[in-house]
Amino acid sequence: MARALHSHCRGRRFDSAQVHQLGYNLFMKDKIIKCQDCKSEFAFTGGEQEFFKKQELSDPVRCMICRATHKAAEKDQFRGKVKEKGLE
């Protein structure tokens, strides 16, 4: 039996079918992924996996730092195009 994590369920016990019905997946194990940019390993936790699954996203390929760097670079490229067209 798995134990529920939310306060409104405190003290109650659920079997795996009930946990699945409630939308909780307590059984996902962390994955270790190698970043495609810096080659360091990072953990893709069970909670993150559940979020990505619900949002229909693919598994990440970059660590958090490289992801943030990549997003910032994309924003800067967009800003450059806006400046070129005089849209600011």
Protein backbone atom coordinates (compact mmCIF):
# COMPACT_ATOMS: atom_id res chain seq x y z
CA MET A 1 0.00 0.00 0.00
CA ALA A 2 1.17 3.52 -0.81
CA ARG A 3 0.63 6.44 1.49
CA ALA A 4 -0.92 9.64 0.10
CA LEU A 5 1.18 12.79 0.19
CA HIS A 6 -1.41 15.55 0.54
CA SER A 7 -2.68 16.91 3.86
CA HIS A 8 -6.34 16.24 3.01
CA CYS A 9 -5.41 12.57 2.69
CA ARG A 10 -3.27 12.45 5.86
CA GLY A 11 -3.68 9.25 7.79
CA ARG A 12 -5.47 7.42 4.98
CA ARG A 13 -3.92 4.48 3.18
CA PHE A 14 -4.40 3.75 -0.51
CA ASP A 15 -3.56 0.76 -2.67
CA SER A 16 -1.77 1.29 -6.00
CA ALA A 17 -5.03 1.28 -8.01
CA GLN A 18 -6.46 4.06 -5.84
CA VAL A 19 -3.23 6.05 -6.08
CA HIS A 20 -3.33 5.75 -9.87
CA GLN A 21 -7.00 6.80 -9.89
CA LEU A 22 -6.12 9.89 -7.85
CA GLY A 23 -3.50 10.79 -10.45
CA TYR A 24 -0.44 10.25 -8.29
CA ASN A 25 2.45 8.16 -9.47
CA LEU A 26 4.57 7.46 -6.43
CA PHE A 27 6.48 4.71 -8.17
CA MET A 28 8.43 6.66 -10.81
CA LYS A 29 12.13 6.39 -10.14
CA ASP A 30 14.55 9.22 -10.78
CA LYS A 31 16.36 9.05 -14.11
CA ILE A 32 19.96 10.16 -14.58
CA ILE A 33 20.35 12.04 -17.87
CA LYS A 34 23.52 13.37 -19.49
CA CYS A 35 23.22 17.02 -20.63
CA GLN A 36 23.73 17.36 -24.38
CA ASP A 37 25.57 20.68 -23.93
CA CYS A 38 27.91 20.36 -20.93
CA LYS A 39 27.87 16.53 -20.68
CA SER A 40 27.23 16.61 -16.92
CA GLU A 41 24.70 14.22 -15.41
CA PHE A 42 21.53 15.49 -13.77
CA ALA A 43 18.56 13.87 -12.06
CA PHE A 44 15.15 13.88 -13.70
CA THR A 45 13.01 13.21 -10.63
CA GLY A 46 9.81 11.22 -10.47
CA GLY A 47 7.84 14.40 -9.80
CA GLU A 48 9.38 16.13 -12.81
CA GLN A 49 8.63 13.07 -14.95
CA GLU A 50 5.00 13.18 -13.83
CA PHE A 51 4.76 16.91 -14.67
CA PHE A 52 6.36 16.43 -18.10
CA LYS A 53 4.01 13.50 -18.80
CA LYS A 54 0.90 15.52 -17.87
CA GLN A 55 2.07 18.43 -20.04
CA GLU A 56 2.88 15.98 -22.88
CA LEU A 57 6.51 17.14 -22.96
CA SER A 58 9.49 15.03 -23.93
CA ASP A 59 12.26 14.31 -21.42
CA PRO A 60 14.77 17.15 -20.98
CA VAL A 61 18.08 16.95 -22.83
CA ARG A 62 19.82 19.83 -20.99
CA CYS A 63 20.60 20.37 -17.30
CA MET A 64 18.94 23.28 -15.52
CA ILE A 65 21.87 25.66 -16.03
CA CYS A 66 22.24 24.88 -19.74
CA ARG A 67 18.45 25.10 -20.18
CA ALA A 68 18.42 28.59 -18.67
CA THR A 69 21.41 29.63 -20.79
CA HIS A 70 19.72 28.29 -23.94
CA LYS A 71 16.47 30.15 -23.16
CA ALA A 72 18.34 33.41 -22.51
CA ALA A 73 20.20 33.05 -25.83
CA GLU A 74 16.91 32.50 -27.67
CA LYS A 75 15.42 35.64 -26.07
CA ASP A 76 18.49 37.69 -27.02
CA GLN A 77 18.20 36.51 -30.65
CA PHE A 78 14.54 37.56 -30.69
CA ARG A 79 15.38 40.97 -29.19
CA GLY A 80 17.99 41.47 -31.90
CA LYS A 81 15.40 40.86 -34.62
CA VAL A 82 13.00 43.30 -32.96
CA LYS A 83 15.71 45.97 -32.81
CA GLU A 84 16.62 45.42 -36.47
CA LYS A 85 13.03 45.99 -37.58
CA GLY A 86 12.60 49.04 -35.30
CA LEU A 87 9.72 47.46 -33.43
CA GLU A 88 10.86 48.49 -29.96
